[in-house]
Amino acid sequence: MSATAREHWDRRYADGRREPLGSLGPPPVFGAYADVFPTSGSAFEVACGRGRASAWLASRGMRVWGVDISPVAVELAGEYARSRGLADRCRFTVHDLDDGLPAGEPVDLVLCHLFRDADIYTATVGRLKPGGLLAVACLSEVGNGPGEFRAKPGELTDAFNSINALYSGERDGYAWFIGHT
């Protein structure tokens, strides 16, 4: 991302620093499917933001690595994990996803919530261990209209057709896909 984009996200996270994150739980779009998420092993969260989903995964027993473009977000994610007693199960790193995913070992779960970059779709699947779970949700044109950061109808199911779909859908401006290798 450009320096301008990084600055935008830093400002946005800094402005929302005091907003409560609420209780631990999955991102709302994945709430109905929480029982399919692993409770052990390793997870990688793409564009982790303030770390709420990473902390939820860690509270379930996973070791989680979250990355985000914003140093402010990464700082807040670390603070949130520490405040929940989960710092030993979470690590957060600043990484520009325009450069692709950072190098790392295959994981049991890749989670990407409300970040869309079709250029990394193949890499997210490639990061999974055999039998690993992929959970992706993003803004969608379905129920929302066109937009630069919105998935086109059918985009996620088309992009991830190489893995076994468990759940997918598009409505109310969101698209989601959950599947395993």
Protein backbone atom coordinates (compact mmCIF):
# COMPACT_ATOMS: atom_id res chain seq x y z
CA MET A 1 0.00 0.00 0.00
CA SER A 2 1.08 3.52 -0.44
CA ALA A 3 2.27 5.63 2.45
CA THR A 4 -1.01 7.52 2.09
CA ALA A 5 -3.01 4.32 2.67
CA ARG A 6 -0.91 3.41 5.70
CA GLU A 7 -1.43 6.89 7.12
CA HIS A 8 -5.19 6.57 6.51
CA TRP A 9 -5.37 3.33 8.49
CA ASP A 10 -3.11 4.64 11.23
CA ARG A 11 -5.40 7.66 11.67
CA ARG A 12 -8.50 5.47 11.59
CA TYR A 13 -7.17 3.10 14.25
CA ALA A 14 -5.84 5.96 16.37
CA ASP A 15 -9.23 7.70 16.20
CA GLY A 16 -10.97 4.47 17.28
CA ARG A 17 -8.43 3.64 19.98
CA ARG A 18 -10.94 4.16 22.79
CA GLU A 19 -13.83 2.30 21.14
CA PRO A 20 -14.55 -0.87 23.14
CA LEU A 21 -13.99 -4.15 21.33
CA GLY A 22 -16.53 -5.99 23.44
CA SER A 23 -16.39 -9.59 24.53
CA LEU A 24 -14.32 -12.21 22.77
CA GLY A 25 -16.07 -13.82 19.88
CA PRO A 26 -15.80 -14.52 16.19
CA PRO A 27 -16.29 -11.78 13.63
CA PRO A 28 -20.09 -11.47 13.29
CA VAL A 29 -20.23 -12.87 9.76
CA PHE A 30 -18.63 -16.09 11.06
CA GLY A 31 -20.70 -16.35 14.26
CA ALA A 32 -23.07 -19.02 12.94
CA TYR A 33 -20.07 -21.15 11.90
CA ALA A 34 -17.88 -20.77 15.00
CA ASP A 35 -18.05 -24.51 15.75
CA VAL A 36 -16.02 -25.36 12.60
CA PHE A 37 -13.08 -23.16 13.64
CA PRO A 38 -10.17 -25.11 15.16
CA THR A 39 -9.46 -25.04 18.88
CA SER A 40 -5.78 -25.93 18.62
CA GLY A 41 -2.89 -25.52 16.23
CA SER A 42 -1.72 -22.43 14.41
CA ALA A 43 -3.59 -19.58 12.77
CA PHE A 44 -2.64 -16.71 10.50
CA GLU A 45 -4.87 -13.63 10.39
CA VAL A 46 -4.61 -11.41 7.32
CA ALA A 47 -5.24 -7.70 8.04
CA CYS A 48 -5.80 -8.30 11.76
CA GLY A 49 -6.73 -4.74 12.68
CA ARG A 50 -7.12 -4.32 16.44
CA GLY A 51 -6.74 -8.07 17.01
CA ARG A 52 -10.19 -9.03 18.23
CA ALA A 53 -10.48 -12.12 16.00
CA SER A 54 -6.89 -13.15 16.76
CA ALA A 55 -7.61 -12.93 20.49
CA TRP A 56 -10.78 -15.00 20.04
CA LEU A 57 -8.81 -17.70 18.22
CA ALA A 58 -6.13 -17.63 20.92
CA SER A 59 -8.79 -17.92 23.64
CA ARG A 60 -9.92 -21.13 21.92
CA GLY A 61 -6.40 -22.58 22.18
CA MET A 62 -4.74 -21.54 18.91
CA ARG A 63 -1.36 -19.88 18.43
CA VAL A 64 -2.05 -16.85 16.24
CA TRP A 65 0.05 -14.59 14.04
CA GLY A 66 -1.72 -11.46 12.84
CA VAL A 67 -0.41 -8.98 10.28
CA ASP A 68 -1.64 -5.53 9.35
CA ILE A 69 -0.40 -2.53 7.33
CA SER A 70 -0.95 -0.19 10.27
CA PRO A 71 1.62 0.04 13.08
CA VAL A 72 -1.13 1.62 15.22
CA ALA A 73 -3.40 -1.41 14.64
CA VAL A 74 -0.59 -3.81 15.48
CA GLU A 75 0.14 -1.92 18.70
CA LEU A 76 -3.55 -1.99 19.65
CA ALA A 77 -3.80 -5.71 18.81
CA GLY A 78 -0.89 -6.44 21.14
CA GLU A 79 -2.48 -4.36 23.89
CA TYR A 80 -5.80 -6.17 23.45
CA ALA A 81 -4.16 -9.61 23.60
CA ARG A 82 -2.26 -8.61 26.74
CA SER A 83 -5.43 -7.22 28.37
CA ARG A 84 -7.11 -10.60 27.79
CA GLY A 85 -4.16 -12.62 29.10
CA LEU A 86 -3.47 -14.01 25.62
CA ALA A 87 -0.16 -12.36 24.72
CA ASP A 88 1.67 -15.69 24.96
CA ARG A 89 -0.57 -17.11 22.18
CA CYS A 90 -0.58 -14.06 19.86
CA ARG A 91 2.02 -12.17 17.89
CA PHE A 92 1.40 -9.23 15.61
CA THR A 93 3.55 -7.83 12.83
CA VAL A 94 3.36 -4.81 10.54
CA HIS A 95 3.29 -6.05 6.95
CA ASP A 96 2.22 -4.48 3.66
CA LEU A 97 0.05 -7.06 1.90
CA ASP A 98 0.72 -5.36 -1.43
CA ASP A 99 4.02 -7.25 -1.12
CA GLY A 100 2.08 -10.54 -0.74
CA LEU A 101 1.83 -12.63 2.39
CA PRO A 102 4.89 -12.66 4.62
CA ALA A 103 6.96 -15.84 4.55
CA GLY A 104 5.87 -18.38 7.11
CA GLU A 105 5.05 -21.97 7.87
CA PRO A 106 1.77 -23.58 6.82
CA VAL A 107 -1.03 -23.14 9.37
CA ASP A 108 -4.23 -24.86 10.45
CA LEU A 109 -6.35 -21.76 9.81
CA VAL A 110 -6.11 -18.67 7.64
CA LEU A 111 -8.62 -15.98 8.61
CA CYS A 112 -9.21 -12.84 6.58
CA HIS A 113 -12.06 -10.62 7.73
CA LEU A 114 -13.04 -7.45 5.88
CA PHE A 115 -9.94 -7.22 3.74
CA ARG A 116 -10.06 -7.95 0.04
CA ASP A 117 -7.10 -8.40 -2.28
CA ALA A 118 -7.61 -10.91 -5.08
CA ASP A 119 -3.84 -10.93 -5.63
CA ILE A 120 -3.32 -12.91 -2.41
CA TYR A 121 -6.18 -15.42 -2.76
CA THR A 122 -3.89 -18.17 -4.10
CA ALA A 123 -1.27 -17.48 -1.42
CA THR A 124 -3.86 -17.76 1.38
CA VAL A 125 -4.81 -21.25 0.20
CA GLY A 126 -1.12 -22.11 -0.19
CA ARG A 127 -0.48 -21.15 3.44
CA LEU A 128 -2.82 -23.90 4.71
CA LYS A 129 -1.70 -27.27 6.00
CA PRO A 130 -3.49 -30.28 4.51
CA GLY A 131 -6.96 -30.25 6.06
CA GLY A 132 -6.54 -26.60 7.08
CA LEU A 133 -9.47 -24.20 7.25
CA LEU A 134 -9.81 -21.00 5.23
CA ALA A 135 -12.27 -18.35 6.42
CA VAL A 136 -12.60 -15.22 4.28
CA ALA A 137 -15.19 -12.43 4.50
CA CYS A 138 -15.25 -9.11 2.71
CA LEU A 139 -17.55 -6.38 1.57
CA SER A 140 -19.61 -7.39 -1.44
CA GLU A 141 -21.45 -5.73 -4.28
CA VAL A 142 -24.38 -8.04 -3.46
CA GLY A 143 -26.83 -5.88 -1.55
CA ASN A 144 -24.42 -2.96 -1.61
CA GLY A 145 -23.62 -1.96 -5.20
CA PRO A 146 -20.25 -1.65 -6.92
CA GLY A 147 -17.20 -0.38 -5.11
CA GLU A 148 -13.43 -0.57 -5.29
CA PHE A 149 -13.10 -2.75 -2.18
CA ARG A 150 -16.19 -4.93 -2.74
CA ALA A 151 -16.18 -8.45 -4.12
CA LYS A 152 -18.09 -9.07 -7.30
CA PRO A 153 -20.93 -11.64 -7.14
CA GLY A 154 -19.45 -15.14 -6.94
CA GLU A 155 -15.87 -13.88 -6.51
CA LEU A 156 -15.02 -15.84 -3.38
CA THR A 157 -16.52 -19.15 -4.48
CA ASP A 158 -14.76 -18.81 -7.84
CA ALA A 159 -11.44 -17.84 -6.23
CA PHE A 160 -11.48 -20.72 -3.75
CA ASN A 161 -12.98 -23.45 -5.91
CA SER A 162 -9.83 -25.55 -5.43
CA ILE A 163 -10.76 -26.31 -1.82
CA ASN A 164 -13.79 -27.97 -0.23
CA ALA A 165 -16.43 -25.38 0.56
CA LEU A 166 -18.25 -25.78 3.86
CA TYR A 167 -20.17 -22.51 3.89
CA SER A 168 -20.37 -19.55 1.58
CA GLY A 169 -22.79 -16.76 0.91
CA GLU A 170 -23.41 -13.23 -0.24
CA ARG A 171 -25.99 -10.83 1.16
CA ASP A 172 -26.46 -7.49 2.83
CA GLY A 173 -23.20 -6.16 1.43
CA TYR A 174 -21.00 -9.05 2.62
CA ALA A 175 -19.51 -12.14 1.00
CA TRP A 176 -18.00 -15.05 2.92
CA PHE A 177 -16.35 -18.38 2.28
CA ILE A 178 -15.32 -21.11 4.70
CA GLY A 179 -13.65 -24.24 3.39
CA HIS A 180 -10.85 -26.71 3.99
CA THR A 181 -8.06 -28.23 1.98
